Amino acid sequence: MKNVSFFILFIALLAAPSCKQSAPGYTISGEINAESGIIYLQDFHNKMFAIIDSAVIQNGTFTFSGSLERPDLFGLTLDREETFSPYYIFLENSPIHVTIDADNDRAQISGSTEHDLFVAYQQAARADGENFRIDDFITAHPASIVSAYVLYRDYSYRLSKEEIDANVQRLDPSLHNTQYVEVLNELSALLERLAIGKPAPDFSLPNPEGQTVSLSDRLGKGYVLLDFWASWCGPCRRENPNIVSVYNQYKDKGFDVFSVSLDKDKDAWLKGIADDNLTWTHVSDILFWDSAPAKLYGVRAIPASFLLDKDGIIIAKNLRGEELGKTLAELLK
């Protein structure tokens, strides 16, 4: 009987999954200058972060574990409502250590080769400034998720269709089904449809009073600046006084502004309009980077603008500062 029991136990052990055969995953061992609380792990999509896991902080430490199909960008945050600026962390299936200084809003990450590459990219991009070449970086690291991410996040809005296409081809084929390359391919097609001389796509959104307004409603009388902005966007708020000045100068001569906000809070949107004295037409779906018109126009960074003629044809893009005033002076002379 004992031999039979031993045989059954032996077969059961053979059938049980072995720890050595289990799929590798990631572990995050964290230290933070907080004795207690909750820290959240977020994934990244369309320039926004969303919570996927949480861990209790005990005696200033926390842990996460899981597995990934491939390395990617994630976020760590103490703020459950944070969607835009957590502590960035490129996760991969390896043991990773994180030290967070919450008082000074800093995090140090070790154990992830992809995160090391991301830090190296940031340092090189800051040091080289306008001389930094994204094509050289991708050529040196074609299979890294960091290459796909920075092309999508930092360069998609400043490259031509041809440059985007060429850089996507430099990426390893294993990255071509990532969210970053999918967006880049969509943007490439959009840039062709939104070239100067092409008709601006129409759309409709609610104004601050809740009434639906279409872009086409404002066409036919002169030039229209289709302006993408948000109350949370510092560069947008700094550009607003210039648009106000140009608008006041030319509003009676055939110039109008149609602003689309990428705000995520209606009260903040309305306050930004009032504080900056923006007296033209405003619309928003209050969907942040999921804004439908932003996707329709391939807007990856704000402020962004399209100058349209009376027929809705795109005649210029991203005119700012004195350039907007000079262009209108020439058009309306």
C-alpha atoms as a PDB file:
ATOM      1  CA  MET A   1       0.000   0.000   0.000  1.00  0.00           C
ATOM      2  CA  LYS A   2       2.850   2.329   0.839  1.00  0.00           C
ATOM      3  CA  ASN A   3       4.448   1.581  -2.542  1.00  0.00           C
ATOM      4  CA  VAL A   4       1.178   2.405  -4.332  1.00  0.00           C
ATOM      5  CA  SER A   5       0.860   5.701  -2.417  1.00  0.00           C
ATOM      6  CA  PHE A   6       4.458   6.599  -3.222  1.00  0.00           C
ATOM      7  CA  PHE A   7       3.883   5.822  -6.917  1.00  0.00           C
ATOM      8  CA  ILE A   8       0.768   8.066  -6.996  1.00  0.00           C
ATOM      9  CA  LEU A   9       2.668  10.897  -5.263  1.00  0.00           C
ATOM     10  CA  PHE A  10       5.563  10.490  -7.734  1.00  0.00           C
ATOM     11  CA  ILE A  11       3.210  10.746 -10.740  1.00  0.00           C
ATOM     12  CA  ALA A  12       1.503  13.810  -9.206  1.00  0.00           C
ATOM     13  CA  LEU A  13       4.842  15.563  -8.743  1.00  0.00           C
ATOM     14  CA  LEU A  14       5.766  14.851 -12.348  1.00  0.00           C
ATOM     15  CA  ALA A  15       2.459  16.312 -13.530  1.00  0.00           C
ATOM     16  CA  ALA A  16       2.733  19.437 -11.358  1.00  0.00           C
ATOM     17  CA  PRO A  17       4.178  22.546 -13.043  1.00  0.00           C
ATOM     18  CA  SER A  18       7.805  23.104 -12.216  1.00  0.00           C
ATOM     19  CA  CYS A  19       8.977  26.478 -10.900  1.00  0.00           C
ATOM     20  CA  LYS A  20      11.970  26.201 -13.199  1.00  0.00           C
ATOM     21  CA  GLN A  21       9.684  25.754 -16.201  1.00  0.00           C
ATOM     22  CA  SER A  22       7.369  28.691 -15.421  1.00  0.00           C
ATOM     23  CA  ALA A  23       7.428  31.700 -17.717  1.00  0.00           C
ATOM     24  CA  PRO A  24       9.784  34.471 -16.553  1.00  0.00           C
ATOM     25  CA  GLY A  25       8.235  37.692 -15.373  1.00  0.00           C
ATOM     26  CA  TYR A  26       9.091  41.010 -13.771  1.00  0.00           C
ATOM     27  CA  THR A  27       9.356  41.940 -10.121  1.00  0.00           C
ATOM     28  CA  ILE A  28       9.481  45.487  -8.833  1.00  0.00           C
ATOM     29  CA  SER A  29      11.069  45.892  -5.422  1.00  0.00           C
ATOM     30  CA  GLY A  30      10.488  49.434  -4.288  1.00  0.00           C
ATOM     31  CA  GLU A  31      11.614  51.780  -1.561  1.00  0.00           C
ATOM     32  CA  ILE A  32       9.921  55.112  -0.879  1.00  0.00           C
ATOM     33  CA  ASN A  33      10.218  57.788   1.789  1.00  0.00           C
ATOM     34  CA  ALA A  34       6.700  57.088   3.051  1.00  0.00           C
ATOM     35  CA  GLU A  35       5.865  54.666   5.847  1.00  0.00           C
ATOM     36  CA  SER A  36       2.453  53.682   4.524  1.00  0.00           C
ATOM     37  CA  GLY A  37      -0.097  54.278   1.778  1.00  0.00           C
ATOM     38  CA  ILE A  38      -0.863  52.805  -1.622  1.00  0.00           C
ATOM     39  CA  ILE A  39       1.184  53.022  -4.800  1.00  0.00           C
ATOM     40  CA  TYR A  40      -0.327  52.352  -8.217  1.00  0.00           C
ATOM     41  CA  LEU A  41       1.127  50.722 -11.313  1.00  0.00           C
ATOM     42  CA  GLN A  42      -0.216  52.142 -14.579  1.00  0.00           C
ATOM     43  CA  ASP A  43      -0.016  51.195 -18.224  1.00  0.00           C
ATOM     44  CA  PHE A  44       0.324  53.733 -21.025  1.00  0.00           C
ATOM     45  CA  HIS A  45      -1.950  54.415 -23.980  1.00  0.00           C
ATOM     46  CA  ASN A  46      -2.434  57.519 -26.159  1.00  0.00           C
ATOM     47  CA  LYS A  47      -0.257  59.752 -23.968  1.00  0.00           C
ATOM     48  CA  MET A  48      -2.267  58.819 -20.859  1.00  0.00           C
ATOM     49  CA  PHE A  49      -1.750  56.415 -17.972  1.00  0.00           C
ATOM     50  CA  ALA A  50      -4.375  54.149 -16.358  1.00  0.00           C
ATOM     51  CA  ILE A  51      -4.162  52.028 -13.208  1.00  0.00           C
ATOM     52  CA  ILE A  52      -3.668  48.269 -13.669  1.00  0.00           C
ATOM     53  CA  ASP A  53      -2.385  47.247 -10.228  1.00  0.00           C
ATOM     54  CA  SER A  54      -1.763  48.565  -6.727  1.00  0.00           C
ATOM     55  CA  ALA A  55       0.470  47.716  -3.785  1.00  0.00           C
ATOM     56  CA  VAL A  56       0.388  48.608  -0.123  1.00  0.00           C
ATOM     57  CA  ILE A  57       3.410  50.508   1.174  1.00  0.00           C
ATOM     58  CA  GLN A  58       4.683  48.863   4.355  1.00  0.00           C
ATOM     59  CA  ASN A  59       7.576  50.378   6.280  1.00  0.00           C
ATOM     60  CA  GLY A  60       8.618  52.310   3.215  1.00  0.00           C
ATOM     61  CA  THR A  61       8.690  49.340   0.831  1.00  0.00           C
ATOM     62  CA  PHE A  62       6.398  47.897  -1.823  1.00  0.00           C
ATOM     63  CA  THR A  63       6.447  45.141  -4.453  1.00  0.00           C
ATOM     64  CA  PHE A  64       4.787  44.348  -7.774  1.00  0.00           C
ATOM     65  CA  SER A  65       5.095  41.268  -9.942  1.00  0.00           C
ATOM     66  CA  GLY A  66       3.750  40.093 -13.276  1.00  0.00           C
ATOM     67  CA  SER A  67       4.788  39.158 -16.787  1.00  0.00           C
ATOM     68  CA  LEU A  68       4.938  40.948 -20.121  1.00  0.00           C
ATOM     69  CA  GLU A  69       4.790  39.853 -23.737  1.00  0.00           C
ATOM     70  CA  ARG A  70       7.427  42.496 -24.424  1.00  0.00           C
ATOM     71  CA  PRO A  71       8.984  45.470 -22.594  1.00  0.00           C
ATOM     72  CA  ASP A  72       6.946  48.664 -22.511  1.00  0.00           C
ATOM     73  CA  LEU A  73       6.386  51.959 -20.713  1.00  0.00           C
ATOM     74  CA  PHE A  74       4.496  51.967 -17.417  1.00  0.00           C
ATOM     75  CA  GLY A  75       4.000  54.458 -14.620  1.00  0.00           C
ATOM     76  CA  LEU A  76       4.159  54.494 -10.827  1.00  0.00           C
ATOM     77  CA  THR A  77       2.150  57.016  -8.838  1.00  0.00           C
ATOM     78  CA  LEU A  78       0.828  57.728  -5.355  1.00  0.00           C
ATOM     79  CA  ASP A  79      -2.056  59.737  -6.825  1.00  0.00           C
ATOM     80  CA  ARG A  80      -4.999  57.614  -7.899  1.00  0.00           C
ATOM     81  CA  GLU A  81      -6.203  60.447 -10.186  1.00  0.00           C
ATOM     82  CA  GLU A  82      -2.862  60.921 -11.965  1.00  0.00           C
ATOM     83  CA  THR A  83      -3.122  60.207 -15.693  1.00  0.00           C
ATOM     84  CA  PHE A  84      -0.302  62.179 -17.282  1.00  0.00           C
ATOM     85  CA  SER A  85       2.889  62.500 -15.218  1.00  0.00           C
ATOM     86  CA  PRO A  86       3.661  59.480 -13.025  1.00  0.00           C
ATOM     87  CA  TYR A  87       7.162  58.177 -12.435  1.00  0.00           C
ATOM     88  CA  TYR A  88       8.098  56.612 -15.777  1.00  0.00           C
ATOM     89  CA  ILE A  89       9.390  53.049 -15.751  1.00  0.00           C
ATOM     90  CA  PHE A  90      10.186  50.841 -18.739  1.00  0.00           C
ATOM     91  CA  LEU A  91       9.333  47.361 -17.516  1.00  0.00           C
ATOM     92  CA  GLU A  92      10.797  44.131 -18.826  1.00  0.00           C
ATOM     93  CA  ASN A  93      10.749  40.578 -17.496  1.00  0.00           C
ATOM     94  CA  SER A  94      13.551  40.950 -14.962  1.00  0.00           C
ATOM     95  CA  PRO A  95      14.054  41.899 -11.298  1.00  0.00           C
ATOM     96  CA  ILE A  96      13.781  45.701 -11.101  1.00  0.00           C
ATOM     97  CA  HIS A  97      14.523  47.960  -8.154  1.00  0.00           C
ATOM     98  CA  VAL A  98      12.917  51.360  -7.676  1.00  0.00           C
ATOM     99  CA  THR A  99      13.820  54.064  -5.162  1.00  0.00           C
ATOM    100  CA  ILE A 100      11.320  56.925  -4.987  1.00  0.00           C
ATOM    101  CA  ASP A 101      11.984  60.270  -3.321  1.00  0.00           C
ATOM    102  CA  ALA A 102       8.401  61.504  -3.092  1.00  0.00           C
ATOM    103  CA  ASP A 103       9.433  64.760  -1.403  1.00  0.00           C
ATOM    104  CA  ASN A 104      11.500  65.813  -4.413  1.00  0.00           C
ATOM    105  CA  ASP A 105       9.438  63.974  -7.044  1.00  0.00           C
ATOM    106  CA  ARG A 106      12.298  61.765  -8.225  1.00  0.00           C
ATOM    107  CA  ALA A 107      12.697  58.059  -8.913  1.00  0.00           C
ATOM    108  CA  GLN A 108      15.742  55.909  -9.585  1.00  0.00           C
ATOM    109  CA  ILE A 109      15.251  52.658 -11.478  1.00  0.00           C
ATOM    110  CA  SER A 110      17.758  49.834 -11.897  1.00  0.00           C
ATOM    111  CA  GLY A 111      17.562  46.357 -13.379  1.00  0.00           C
ATOM    112  CA  SER A 112      15.829  47.287 -16.655  1.00  0.00           C
ATOM    113  CA  THR A 113      18.043  47.575 -19.719  1.00  0.00           C
ATOM    114  CA  GLU A 114      15.205  49.292 -21.588  1.00  0.00           C
ATOM    115  CA  HIS A 115      14.876  51.926 -18.870  1.00  0.00           C
ATOM    116  CA  ASP A 116      18.645  52.452 -18.906  1.00  0.00           C
ATOM    117  CA  LEU A 117      18.403  53.112 -22.635  1.00  0.00           C
ATOM    118  CA  PHE A 118      15.529  55.555 -22.100  1.00  0.00           C
ATOM    119  CA  VAL A 119      17.611  57.520 -19.569  1.00  0.00           C
ATOM    120  CA  ALA A 120      20.561  57.519 -21.980  1.00  0.00           C
ATOM    121  CA  TYR A 121      18.261  58.819 -24.737  1.00  0.00           C
ATOM    122  CA  GLN A 122      17.005  61.651 -22.511  1.00  0.00           C
ATOM    123  CA  GLN A 123      20.539  62.677 -21.603  1.00  0.00           C
ATOM    124  CA  ALA A 124      21.715  62.617 -25.227  1.00  0.00           C
ATOM    125  CA  ALA A 125      18.654  64.501 -26.500  1.00  0.00           C
ATOM    126  CA  ARG A 126      19.153  67.227 -23.881  1.00  0.00           C
ATOM    127  CA  ALA A 127      22.881  67.486 -24.576  1.00  0.00           C
ATOM    128  CA  ASP A 128      22.563  67.564 -28.377  1.00  0.00           C
ATOM    129  CA  GLY A 129      19.392  69.637 -28.624  1.00  0.00           C
ATOM    130  CA  GLU A 130      18.392  70.252 -32.223  1.00  0.00           C
ATOM    131  CA  ASN A 131      21.424  68.273 -33.391  1.00  0.00           C
ATOM    132  CA  PHE A 132      20.080  65.025 -31.939  1.00  0.00           C
ATOM    133  CA  ARG A 133      19.187  62.639 -34.772  1.00  0.00           C
ATOM    134  CA  ILE A 134      16.339  60.272 -34.066  1.00  0.00           C
ATOM    135  CA  ASP A 135      17.163  58.256 -37.199  1.00  0.00           C
ATOM    136  CA  ASP A 136      20.654  57.510 -35.866  1.00  0.00           C
ATOM    137  CA  PHE A 137      19.210  56.487 -32.498  1.00  0.00           C
ATOM    138  CA  ILE A 138      16.742  54.085 -34.118  1.00  0.00           C
ATOM    139  CA  THR A 139      19.445  52.638 -36.374  1.00  0.00           C
ATOM    140  CA  ALA A 140      21.541  51.927 -33.268  1.00  0.00           C
ATOM    141  CA  HIS A 141      18.603  50.392 -31.337  1.00  0.00           C
ATOM    142  CA  PRO A 142      16.109  49.100 -33.926  1.00  0.00           C
ATOM    143  CA  ALA A 143      14.534  46.400 -31.734  1.00  0.00           C
ATOM    144  CA  SER A 144      14.124  48.510 -28.580  1.00  0.00           C
ATOM    145  CA  ILE A 145      10.645  49.607 -27.482  1.00  0.00           C
ATOM    146  CA  VAL A 146      12.321  52.859 -26.449  1.00  0.00           C
ATOM    147  CA  SER A 147      13.039  53.650 -30.115  1.00  0.00           C
ATOM    148  CA  ALA A 148       9.399  53.122 -31.059  1.00  0.00           C
ATOM    149  CA  TYR A 149       8.172  55.122 -28.056  1.00  0.00           C
ATOM    150  CA  VAL A 150      10.388  58.196 -28.512  1.00  0.00           C
ATOM    151  CA  LEU A 151       9.680  58.303 -32.248  1.00  0.00           C
ATOM    152  CA  TYR A 152       5.960  58.307 -31.416  1.00  0.00           C
ATOM    153  CA  ARG A 153       6.109  60.584 -28.374  1.00  0.00           C
ATOM    154  CA  ASP A 154       8.825  63.130 -29.120  1.00  0.00           C
ATOM    155  CA  TYR A 155       9.142  63.258 -32.899  1.00  0.00           C
ATOM    156  CA  SER A 156       5.819  62.364 -34.532  1.00  0.00           C
ATOM    157  CA  TYR A 157       4.601  65.976 -34.464  1.00  0.00           C
ATOM    158  CA  ARG A 158       7.751  67.463 -35.966  1.00  0.00           C
ATOM    159  CA  LEU A 159       8.466  65.045 -38.823  1.00  0.00           C
ATOM    160  CA  SER A 160       7.081  64.912 -42.337  1.00  0.00           C
ATOM    161  CA  LYS A 161       5.159  61.932 -43.665  1.00  0.00           C
ATOM    162  CA  GLU A 162       8.260  60.778 -45.534  1.00  0.00           C
ATOM    163  CA  GLU A 163      10.453  61.040 -42.415  1.00  0.00           C
ATOM    164  CA  ILE A 164       7.930  59.125 -40.303  1.00  0.00           C
ATOM    165  CA  ASP A 165       7.705  56.360 -42.909  1.00  0.00           C
ATOM    166  CA  ALA A 166      11.492  56.089 -43.200  1.00  0.00           C
ATOM    167  CA  ASN A 167      11.972  55.861 -39.431  1.00  0.00           C
ATOM    168  CA  VAL A 168       9.232  53.256 -39.038  1.00  0.00           C
ATOM    169  CA  GLN A 169      11.051  51.129 -41.615  1.00  0.00           C
ATOM    170  CA  ARG A 170      14.222  51.418 -39.514  1.00  0.00           C
ATOM    171  CA  LEU A 171      12.430  49.762 -36.606  1.00  0.00           C
ATOM    172  CA  ASP A 172      12.648  46.003 -36.250  1.00  0.00           C
ATOM    173  CA  PRO A 173       9.531  44.254 -37.641  1.00  0.00           C
ATOM    174  CA  SER A 174       8.821  42.889 -34.145  1.00  0.00           C
ATOM    175  CA  LEU A 175       7.774  46.429 -33.150  1.00  0.00           C
ATOM    176  CA  HIS A 176       5.443  47.060 -36.080  1.00  0.00           C
ATOM    177  CA  ASN A 177       2.363  45.853 -34.191  1.00  0.00           C
ATOM    178  CA  THR A 178       2.958  48.055 -31.132  1.00  0.00           C
ATOM    179  CA  GLN A 179       0.589  50.882 -30.272  1.00  0.00           C
ATOM    180  CA  TYR A 180       3.333  53.369 -31.138  1.00  0.00           C
ATOM    181  CA  VAL A 181       3.877  52.193 -34.708  1.00  0.00           C
ATOM    182  CA  GLU A 182       0.135  51.841 -35.257  1.00  0.00           C
ATOM    183  CA  VAL A 183      -0.308  55.523 -34.346  1.00  0.00           C
ATOM    184  CA  LEU A 184       2.659  56.527 -36.508  1.00  0.00           C
ATOM    185  CA  ASN A 185       1.175  54.717 -39.510  1.00  0.00           C
ATOM    186  CA  GLU A 186      -2.193  56.403 -38.922  1.00  0.00           C
ATOM    187  CA  LEU A 187      -0.454  59.768 -38.621  1.00  0.00           C
ATOM    188  CA  SER A 188       1.445  59.198 -41.867  1.00  0.00           C
ATOM    189  CA  ALA A 189      -1.830  58.666 -43.725  1.00  0.00           C
ATOM    190  CA  LEU A 190      -3.372  61.706 -42.007  1.00  0.00           C
ATOM    191  CA  LEU A 191      -0.473  63.979 -42.944  1.00  0.00           C
ATOM    192  CA  GLU A 192      -1.082  63.160 -46.577  1.00  0.00           C
ATOM    193  CA  ARG A 193      -4.787  64.045 -46.264  1.00  0.00           C
ATOM    194  CA  LEU A 194      -4.021  67.198 -44.227  1.00  0.00           C
ATOM    195  CA  ALA A 195      -1.346  68.647 -46.496  1.00  0.00           C
ATOM    196  CA  ILE A 196      -1.477  72.321 -47.432  1.00  0.00           C
ATOM    197  CA  GLY A 197      -3.966  72.687 -50.237  1.00  0.00           C
ATOM    198  CA  LYS A 198      -6.225  69.896 -48.935  1.00  0.00           C
ATOM    199  CA  PRO A 199      -9.728  70.511 -47.509  1.00  0.00           C
ATOM    200  CA  ALA A 200      -9.960  70.567 -43.713  1.00  0.00           C
ATOM    201  CA  PRO A 201     -12.145  67.727 -42.378  1.00  0.00           C
ATOM    202  CA  ASP A 202     -15.383  68.917 -40.800  1.00  0.00           C
ATOM    203  CA  PHE A 203     -16.464  67.973 -37.273  1.00  0.00           C
ATOM    204  CA  SER A 204     -19.008  68.986 -34.647  1.00  0.00           C
ATOM    205  CA  LEU A 205     -18.626  69.378 -30.875  1.00  0.00           C
ATOM    206  CA  PRO A 206     -20.438  71.084 -27.980  1.00  0.00           C
ATOM    207  CA  ASN A 207     -19.584  74.669 -27.086  1.00  0.00           C
ATOM    208  CA  PRO A 208     -19.452  75.840 -23.438  1.00  0.00           C
ATOM    209  CA  GLU A 209     -23.251  76.227 -23.432  1.00  0.00           C
ATOM    210  CA  GLY A 210     -23.733  72.652 -24.640  1.00  0.00           C
ATOM    211  CA  GLN A 211     -24.831  73.594 -28.156  1.00  0.00           C
ATOM    212  CA  THR A 212     -23.356  71.559 -31.005  1.00  0.00           C
ATOM    213  CA  VAL A 213     -21.203  73.657 -33.316  1.00  0.00           C
ATOM    214  CA  SER A 214     -19.548  72.540 -36.567  1.00  0.00           C
ATOM    215  CA  LEU A 215     -16.320  73.845 -38.036  1.00  0.00           C
ATOM    216  CA  SER A 216     -18.139  74.327 -41.331  1.00  0.00           C
ATOM    217  CA  ASP A 217     -20.503  76.760 -39.585  1.00  0.00           C
ATOM    218  CA  ARG A 218     -17.623  79.227 -39.317  1.00  0.00           C
ATOM    219  CA  LEU A 219     -16.406  78.947 -42.911  1.00  0.00           C
ATOM    220  CA  GLY A 220     -17.335  81.069 -45.898  1.00  0.00           C
ATOM    221  CA  LYS A 221     -16.654  84.564 -44.561  1.00  0.00           C
ATOM    222  CA  GLY A 222     -12.865  84.730 -44.491  1.00  0.00           C
ATOM    223  CA  TYR A 223      -9.873  83.054 -42.882  1.00  0.00           C
ATOM    224  CA  VAL A 224     -10.291  80.781 -39.865  1.00  0.00           C
ATOM    225  CA  LEU A 225      -7.579  79.672 -37.463  1.00  0.00           C
ATOM    226  CA  LEU A 226      -8.425  76.164 -36.228  1.00  0.00           C
ATOM    227  CA  ASP A 227      -6.628  76.190 -32.887  1.00  0.00           C
ATOM    228  CA  PHE A 228      -5.975  73.151 -30.665  1.00  0.00           C
ATOM    229  CA  TRP A 229      -5.132  74.027 -27.049  1.00  0.00           C
ATOM    230  CA  ALA A 230      -5.927  73.209 -23.391  1.00  0.00           C
ATOM    231  CA  SER A 231      -6.039  75.134 -20.139  1.00  0.00           C
ATOM    232  CA  TRP A 232      -3.388  72.783 -18.663  1.00  0.00           C
ATOM    233  CA  CYS A 233      -0.955  73.448 -21.541  1.00  0.00           C
ATOM    234  CA  GLY A 234       1.672  76.027 -20.602  1.00  0.00           C
ATOM    235  CA  PRO A 235       2.854  76.770 -24.165  1.00  0.00           C
ATOM    236  CA  CYS A 236      -0.786  77.208 -25.219  1.00  0.00           C
ATOM    237  CA  ARG A 237      -1.460  79.727 -22.470  1.00  0.00           C
ATOM    238  CA  ARG A 238       1.690  81.636 -23.406  1.00  0.00           C
ATOM    239  CA  GLU A 239       0.594  81.766 -27.054  1.00  0.00           C
ATOM    240  CA  ASN A 240      -2.978  82.880 -26.269  1.00  0.00           C
ATOM    241  CA  PRO A 241      -2.149  86.597 -25.800  1.00  0.00           C
ATOM    242  CA  ASN A 242      -0.680  86.656 -29.304  1.00  0.00           C
ATOM    243  CA  ILE A 243      -3.811  85.067 -30.787  1.00  0.00           C
ATOM    244  CA  VAL A 244      -5.971  87.537 -28.852  1.00  0.00           C
ATOM    245  CA  SER A 245      -3.965  90.454 -30.241  1.00  0.00           C
ATOM    246  CA  VAL A 246      -4.167  89.185 -33.831  1.00  0.00           C
ATOM    247  CA  TYR A 247      -7.867  88.374 -33.458  1.00  0.00           C
ATOM    248  CA  ASN A 248      -8.695  91.855 -32.167  1.00  0.00           C
ATOM    249  CA  GLN A 249      -6.700  93.394 -34.999  1.00  0.00           C
ATOM    250  CA  TYR A 250      -8.265  91.393 -37.837  1.00  0.00           C
ATOM    251  CA  LYS A 251     -11.668  90.129 -36.626  1.00  0.00           C
ATOM    252  CA  ASP A 252     -13.478  92.861 -38.567  1.00  0.00           C
ATOM    253  CA  LYS A 253     -11.402  92.263 -41.689  1.00  0.00           C
ATOM    254  CA  GLY A 254     -12.220  88.612 -42.344  1.00  0.00           C
ATOM    255  CA  PHE A 255     -10.439  86.612 -39.629  1.00  0.00           C
ATOM    256  CA  ASP A 256     -11.932  84.255 -37.050  1.00  0.00           C
ATOM    257  CA  VAL A 257     -10.684  81.671 -34.556  1.00  0.00           C
ATOM    258  CA  PHE A 258     -12.249  78.269 -33.854  1.00  0.00           C
ATOM    259  CA  SER A 259     -10.670  76.689 -30.757  1.00  0.00           C
ATOM    260  CA  VAL A 260     -10.772  73.023 -29.804  1.00  0.00           C
ATOM    261  CA  SER A 261      -9.774  72.252 -26.226  1.00  0.00           C
ATOM    262  CA  LEU A 262      -8.093  69.029 -25.119  1.00  0.00           C
ATOM    263  CA  ASP A 263      -9.146  69.681 -21.538  1.00  0.00           C
ATOM    264  CA  LYS A 264     -10.345  66.884 -19.279  1.00  0.00           C
ATOM    265  CA  ASP A 265     -12.243  69.127 -16.851  1.00  0.00           C
ATOM    266  CA  LYS A 266     -14.969  71.477 -18.067  1.00  0.00           C
ATOM    267  CA  ASP A 267     -14.547  73.978 -15.234  1.00  0.00           C
ATOM    268  CA  ALA A 268     -10.814  74.288 -15.969  1.00  0.00           C
ATOM    269  CA  TRP A 269     -11.602  74.784 -19.671  1.00  0.00           C
ATOM    270  CA  LEU A 270     -14.121  77.556 -18.962  1.00  0.00           C
ATOM    271  CA  LYS A 271     -11.774  79.252 -16.503  1.00  0.00           C
ATOM    272  CA  GLY A 272      -8.963  79.209 -19.077  1.00  0.00           C
ATOM    273  CA  ILE A 273     -11.251  80.853 -21.642  1.00  0.00           C
ATOM    274  CA  ALA A 274     -12.258  83.572 -19.193  1.00  0.00           C
ATOM    275  CA  ASP A 275      -8.782  84.171 -17.728  1.00  0.00           C
ATOM    276  CA  ASP A 276      -7.167  84.537 -21.173  1.00  0.00           C
ATOM    277  CA  ASN A 277     -10.038  86.622 -22.595  1.00  0.00           C
ATOM    278  CA  LEU A 278     -10.639  84.272 -25.518  1.00  0.00           C
ATOM    279  CA  THR A 279     -13.784  85.747 -27.051  1.00  0.00           C
ATOM    280  CA  TRP A 280     -14.174  83.571 -30.132  1.00  0.00           C
ATOM    281  CA  THR A 281     -15.862  80.171 -30.704  1.00  0.00           C
ATOM    282  CA  HIS A 282     -14.842  77.298 -28.440  1.00  0.00           C
ATOM    283  CA  VAL A 283     -15.715  73.599 -28.499  1.00  0.00           C
ATOM    284  CA  SER A 284     -14.564  70.503 -26.608  1.00  0.00           C
ATOM    285  CA  ASP A 285     -15.541  66.910 -25.898  1.00  0.00           C
ATOM    286  CA  ILE A 286     -13.556  67.045 -22.607  1.00  0.00           C
ATOM    287  CA  LEU A 287     -11.691  63.855 -23.533  1.00  0.00           C
ATOM    288  CA  PHE A 288      -8.077  64.993 -23.093  1.00  0.00           C
ATOM    289  CA  TRP A 289      -5.859  63.187 -25.654  1.00  0.00           C
ATOM    290  CA  ASP A 290      -8.833  61.070 -26.730  1.00  0.00           C
ATOM    291  CA  SER A 291     -10.357  64.205 -28.290  1.00  0.00           C
ATOM    292  CA  ALA A 292     -12.007  63.172 -31.567  1.00  0.00           C
ATOM    293  CA  PRO A 293     -10.933  66.280 -33.559  1.00  0.00           C
ATOM    294  CA  ALA A 294      -7.351  65.908 -32.293  1.00  0.00           C
ATOM    295  CA  LYS A 295      -7.283  62.384 -33.716  1.00  0.00           C
ATOM    296  CA  LEU A 296      -8.982  63.557 -36.911  1.00  0.00           C
ATOM    297  CA  TYR A 297      -6.241  66.151 -37.424  1.00  0.00           C
ATOM    298  CA  GLY A 298      -3.323  64.032 -36.206  1.00  0.00           C
ATOM    299  CA  VAL A 299      -2.583  66.418 -33.344  1.00  0.00           C
ATOM    300  CA  ARG A 300       0.191  64.909 -31.213  1.00  0.00           C
ATOM    301  CA  ALA A 301       1.298  68.082 -29.398  1.00  0.00           C
ATOM    302  CA  ILE A 302      -0.341  71.396 -28.534  1.00  0.00           C
ATOM    303  CA  PRO A 303      -0.599  74.199 -29.340  1.00  0.00           C
ATOM    304  CA  ALA A 304      -1.335  73.148 -32.906  1.00  0.00           C
ATOM    305  CA  SER A 305      -3.170  75.141 -35.539  1.00  0.00           C
ATOM    306  CA  PHE A 306      -4.390  75.096 -39.138  1.00  0.00           C
ATOM    307  CA  LEU A 307      -5.152  78.287 -41.058  1.00  0.00           C
ATOM    308  CA  LEU A 308      -8.099  77.771 -43.408  1.00  0.00           C
ATOM    309  CA  ASP A 309      -9.411  79.941 -46.229  1.00  0.00           C
ATOM    310  CA  LYS A 310     -13.095  80.708 -46.737  1.00  0.00           C
ATOM    311  CA  ASP A 311     -13.579  77.388 -48.565  1.00  0.00           C
ATOM    312  CA  GLY A 312     -12.015  75.374 -45.748  1.00  0.00           C
ATOM    313  CA  ILE A 313      -8.763  74.703 -47.586  1.00  0.00           C
ATOM    314  CA  ILE A 314      -5.650  74.384 -45.406  1.00  0.00           C
ATOM    315  CA  ILE A 315      -3.254  77.164 -46.358  1.00  0.00           C
ATOM    316  CA  ALA A 316      -0.805  77.113 -43.415  1.00  0.00           C
ATOM    317  CA  LYS A 317      -0.008  75.159 -40.248  1.00  0.00           C
ATOM    318  CA  ASN A 318       1.247  76.042 -36.778  1.00  0.00           C
ATOM    319  CA  LEU A 319       1.640  79.773 -37.281  1.00  0.00           C
ATOM    320  CA  ARG A 320       2.711  81.285 -33.962  1.00  0.00           C
ATOM    321  CA  GLY A 321       3.959  84.551 -32.567  1.00  0.00           C
ATOM    322  CA  GLU A 322       4.701  87.226 -35.131  1.00  0.00           C
ATOM    323  CA  GLU A 323       4.390  84.728 -37.970  1.00  0.00           C
ATOM    324  CA  LEU A 324       0.598  84.547 -37.585  1.00  0.00           C
ATOM    325  CA  GLY A 325       0.230  88.325 -37.654  1.00  0.00           C
ATOM    326  CA  LYS A 326       2.541  88.719 -40.648  1.00  0.00           C
ATOM    327  CA  THR A 327       0.702  86.032 -42.625  1.00  0.00           C
ATOM    328  CA  LEU A 328      -2.694  87.616 -41.986  1.00  0.00           C
ATOM    329  CA  ALA A 329      -1.374  91.077 -42.789  1.00  0.00           C
ATOM    330  CA  GLU A 330      -0.294  89.773 -46.189  1.00  0.00           C
ATOM    331  CA  LEU A 331      -3.540  87.872 -46.806  1.00  0.00           C
ATOM    332  CA  LEU A 332      -5.855  90.700 -45.717  1.00  0.00           C
ATOM    333  CA  LYS A 333      -4.010  93.694 -47.133  1.00  0.00           C
END
